[in-house]
N, C-alpha and C. Protein backbone atom coordinates (compact mmCIF):
# COMPACT_ATOMS: atom_id res chain seq x y z
N MET A 1 44.46 32.14 160.74
CA MET A 1 43.49 32.33 161.78
C MET A 1 44.10 33.06 162.98
N SER A 2 45.34 32.75 163.32
CA SER A 2 45.96 33.39 164.47
C SER A 2 46.17 34.88 164.22
N LYS A 3 46.41 35.27 162.96
CA LYS A 3 46.58 36.69 162.63
C LYS A 3 45.28 37.44 162.87
N GLU A 4 44.16 36.82 162.52
CA GLU A 4 42.85 37.44 162.72
C GLU A 4 42.56 37.63 164.21
N ILE A 5 42.92 36.68 165.04
CA ILE A 5 42.72 36.78 166.47
C ILE A 5 43.59 37.89 167.05
N LYS A 6 44.82 37.99 166.61
CA LYS A 6 45.72 39.04 167.12
C LYS A 6 45.22 40.42 166.74
N GLU A 7 44.64 40.56 165.53
CA GLU A 7 44.10 41.85 165.11
C GLU A 7 42.95 42.29 166.00
N THR A 8 42.04 41.41 166.34
CA THR A 8 40.91 41.78 167.17
C THR A 8 41.32 42.02 168.62
N GLU A 9 42.36 41.35 169.09
CA GLU A 9 42.81 41.56 170.46
C GLU A 9 43.51 42.90 170.62
N SER A 10 44.22 43.36 169.60
CA SER A 10 44.96 44.60 169.72
C SER A 10 44.08 45.83 169.52
N ARG A 11 42.92 45.68 168.93
CA ARG A 11 42.03 46.81 168.68
C ARG A 11 41.28 47.15 169.96
N SER A 12 41.26 48.44 170.28
CA SER A 12 40.59 48.90 171.49
C SER A 12 39.10 49.12 171.23
N LEU A 13 38.33 49.10 172.28
CA LEU A 13 36.89 49.30 172.16
C LEU A 13 36.58 50.74 171.77
N PHE A 14 37.28 51.68 172.39
CA PHE A 14 37.09 53.10 172.09
C PHE A 14 38.38 53.67 171.53
N GLY A 15 38.24 54.72 170.74
CA GLY A 15 39.41 55.40 170.20
C GLY A 15 39.87 56.50 171.14
N LYS A 16 40.96 57.13 170.77
CA LYS A 16 41.53 58.20 171.60
C LYS A 16 40.55 59.36 171.74
N GLY A 17 39.88 59.70 170.66
CA GLY A 17 38.90 60.78 170.69
C GLY A 17 37.74 60.49 171.64
N ASN A 18 37.33 59.23 171.69
CA ASN A 18 36.25 58.85 172.59
C ASN A 18 36.66 59.05 174.05
N TYR A 19 37.88 58.64 174.36
CA TYR A 19 38.36 58.80 175.73
C TYR A 19 38.52 60.27 176.09
N GLN A 20 38.93 61.09 175.15
CA GLN A 20 39.03 62.52 175.43
C GLN A 20 37.66 63.13 175.68
N LEU A 21 36.67 62.71 174.90
CA LEU A 21 35.31 63.20 175.13
C LEU A 21 34.76 62.72 176.47
N MET A 22 35.07 61.48 176.84
CA MET A 22 34.64 60.97 178.14
C MET A 22 35.26 61.77 179.28
N LEU A 23 36.53 62.10 179.15
CA LEU A 23 37.20 62.91 180.16
C LEU A 23 36.57 64.30 180.24
N ALA A 24 36.25 64.88 179.09
CA ALA A 24 35.59 66.20 179.08
C ALA A 24 34.22 66.12 179.75
N GLY A 25 33.48 65.04 179.52
CA GLY A 25 32.18 64.87 180.16
C GLY A 25 32.30 64.75 181.67
N VAL A 26 33.29 64.00 182.14
CA VAL A 26 33.51 63.85 183.58
C VAL A 26 33.88 65.20 184.19
N VAL A 27 34.71 65.96 183.49
CA VAL A 27 35.10 67.29 183.99
C VAL A 27 33.87 68.19 184.10
N LEU A 28 32.99 68.16 183.10
CA LEU A 28 31.77 68.97 183.16
C LEU A 28 30.87 68.54 184.32
N ILE A 29 30.75 67.26 184.55
CA ILE A 29 29.92 66.78 185.65
C ILE A 29 30.50 67.24 186.99
N VAL A 30 31.81 67.14 187.13
CA VAL A 30 32.46 67.58 188.39
C VAL A 30 32.27 69.08 188.57
N ILE A 31 32.41 69.86 187.49
CA ILE A 31 32.20 71.30 187.58
C ILE A 31 30.76 71.60 188.01
N GLY A 32 29.80 70.84 187.47
CA GLY A 32 28.41 71.04 187.86
C GLY A 32 28.18 70.76 189.34
N PHE A 33 28.79 69.71 189.86
CA PHE A 33 28.63 69.42 191.29
C PHE A 33 29.35 70.46 192.14
N LEU A 34 30.48 70.96 191.67
CA LEU A 34 31.17 72.01 192.41
C LEU A 34 30.34 73.29 192.44
N LEU A 35 29.65 73.59 191.33
CA LEU A 35 28.77 74.75 191.31
C LEU A 35 27.59 74.58 192.27
N MET A 36 27.17 73.35 192.47
CA MET A 36 26.03 73.08 193.34
C MET A 36 26.39 73.11 194.82
N MET A 37 27.68 72.94 195.09
CA MET A 37 28.11 72.92 196.50
C MET A 37 27.80 74.25 197.17
N GLY A 38 27.51 74.16 198.44
CA GLY A 38 27.20 75.36 199.19
C GLY A 38 28.40 75.90 199.92
N GLY A 39 28.36 77.18 200.14
CA GLY A 39 29.40 77.81 200.94
C GLY A 39 29.04 77.68 202.40
N GLY A 40 30.01 77.53 203.22
CA GLY A 40 29.76 77.40 204.65
C GLY A 40 29.32 78.72 205.25
N GLY A 41 28.24 78.70 205.98
CA GLY A 41 27.77 79.90 206.66
C GLY A 41 28.49 80.10 207.98
N THR A 42 28.48 81.31 208.46
CA THR A 42 29.14 81.59 209.73
C THR A 42 28.28 81.14 210.91
N ASP A 43 26.96 81.19 210.75
CA ASP A 43 26.05 80.82 211.83
C ASP A 43 25.19 79.64 211.37
N ALA A 44 25.30 78.52 212.06
CA ALA A 44 24.55 77.32 211.67
C ALA A 44 23.05 77.46 211.90
N ALA A 45 22.65 78.35 212.79
CA ALA A 45 21.23 78.51 213.10
C ALA A 45 20.52 79.42 212.09
N ARG A 46 21.26 80.13 211.28
CA ARG A 46 20.66 81.07 210.33
C ARG A 46 20.50 80.41 208.96
N PHE A 47 19.29 80.50 208.41
CA PHE A 47 18.99 79.96 207.09
C PHE A 47 18.94 81.11 206.11
N ALA A 48 19.75 81.03 205.06
CA ALA A 48 19.80 82.11 204.07
C ALA A 48 19.23 81.59 202.74
N PRO A 49 17.94 81.86 202.47
CA PRO A 49 17.35 81.35 201.24
C PRO A 49 17.99 81.92 199.98
N GLU A 50 18.53 83.14 200.04
CA GLU A 50 19.16 83.72 198.85
C GLU A 50 20.42 82.95 198.46
N GLU A 51 21.06 82.28 199.41
CA GLU A 51 22.22 81.45 199.09
C GLU A 51 21.81 80.06 198.61
N VAL A 52 20.82 79.49 199.26
CA VAL A 52 20.40 78.13 198.91
C VAL A 52 19.67 78.10 197.57
N TYR A 53 18.81 79.06 197.34
CA TYR A 53 18.00 79.06 196.12
C TYR A 53 18.55 80.05 195.08
N SER A 54 19.84 80.09 194.92
CA SER A 54 20.44 81.00 193.95
C SER A 54 20.37 80.39 192.54
N PHE A 55 20.53 81.24 191.55
CA PHE A 55 20.51 80.81 190.15
C PHE A 55 21.59 79.77 189.89
N ARG A 56 22.73 79.96 190.48
CA ARG A 56 23.87 79.06 190.26
C ARG A 56 23.54 77.65 190.72
N ARG A 57 22.92 77.51 191.88
CA ARG A 57 22.66 76.17 192.44
C ARG A 57 21.41 75.52 191.87
N ILE A 58 20.40 76.30 191.58
CA ILE A 58 19.12 75.73 191.15
C ILE A 58 19.05 75.53 189.64
N THR A 59 19.69 76.40 188.86
CA THR A 59 19.55 76.34 187.41
C THR A 59 20.85 75.97 186.70
N LEU A 60 21.90 76.71 186.96
CA LEU A 60 23.14 76.54 186.22
C LEU A 60 23.81 75.19 186.47
N ALA A 61 23.94 74.79 187.71
CA ALA A 61 24.62 73.53 188.04
C ALA A 61 23.93 72.31 187.42
N PRO A 62 22.60 72.16 187.54
CA PRO A 62 21.97 71.00 186.89
C PRO A 62 22.10 71.00 185.36
N ILE A 63 22.10 72.19 184.75
CA ILE A 63 22.27 72.26 183.30
C ILE A 63 23.67 71.80 182.91
N VAL A 64 24.69 72.22 183.67
CA VAL A 64 26.06 71.81 183.38
C VAL A 64 26.21 70.30 183.56
N ILE A 65 25.57 69.74 184.59
CA ILE A 65 25.63 68.29 184.81
C ILE A 65 24.96 67.54 183.67
N LEU A 66 23.81 68.01 183.22
CA LEU A 66 23.13 67.36 182.11
C LEU A 66 23.93 67.45 180.81
N ILE A 67 24.60 68.57 180.59
CA ILE A 67 25.46 68.69 179.41
C ILE A 67 26.61 67.69 179.51
N GLY A 68 27.17 67.54 180.70
CA GLY A 68 28.24 66.56 180.90
C GLY A 68 27.76 65.14 180.65
N LEU A 69 26.56 64.82 181.09
CA LEU A 69 26.01 63.49 180.83
C LEU A 69 25.74 63.27 179.34
N ALA A 70 25.31 64.31 178.65
CA ALA A 70 25.08 64.20 177.21
C ALA A 70 26.41 63.99 176.47
N VAL A 71 27.46 64.67 176.92
CA VAL A 71 28.78 64.48 176.31
C VAL A 71 29.25 63.04 176.55
N GLU A 72 29.01 62.52 177.74
CA GLU A 72 29.37 61.13 178.04
C GLU A 72 28.62 60.16 177.13
N ALA A 73 27.34 60.36 176.96
CA ALA A 73 26.55 59.47 176.09
C ALA A 73 27.04 59.55 174.65
N TYR A 74 27.35 60.75 174.18
CA TYR A 74 27.87 60.90 172.82
C TYR A 74 29.22 60.21 172.68
N ALA A 75 30.08 60.34 173.69
CA ALA A 75 31.41 59.73 173.63
C ALA A 75 31.31 58.21 173.58
N ILE A 76 30.34 57.65 174.27
CA ILE A 76 30.17 56.19 174.27
C ILE A 76 29.58 55.72 172.94
N MET A 77 28.64 56.46 172.40
CA MET A 77 27.96 56.04 171.17
C MET A 77 28.76 56.35 169.90
N ARG A 78 29.68 57.28 169.97
CA ARG A 78 30.45 57.70 168.80
C ARG A 78 31.31 56.56 168.29
N LYS A 79 31.28 56.37 166.99
CA LYS A 79 32.08 55.31 166.39
C LYS A 79 33.53 55.78 166.28
N PRO A 80 34.47 55.00 166.80
CA PRO A 80 35.87 55.44 166.74
C PRO A 80 36.37 55.48 165.30
N LYS A 81 37.24 56.45 165.03
CA LYS A 81 37.81 56.57 163.69
C LYS A 81 38.85 55.48 163.50
N GLN A 82 38.85 54.89 162.36
CA GLN A 82 39.78 53.78 162.05
C GLN A 82 41.12 54.31 161.60
C-alpha cells in the first residue's frame, strides 16, 4: 500500500509538454497586450484617431490574446504523456 501512495505522490498533475504549452500561451497573451499598448503622444491635448483605432490595436492584438487563451485551454486539457 505504501508503494502505491508513493507512486501517486511523485506523479505530477501536468507533464513537461503541458507546462511548455502553458508558457507559450502566456507569452502570446503578453505579446497581445504589448501590441495593444499605446505609444505616448507628444501633445496630451491632441487626439489621434489613426493611432488609437489602428489595425494593430483593434484587430491584431485581441486575436493574438484569444489565440494565447486557446493555447492555455489546450495545455490544461491535454492529457500528459506517460
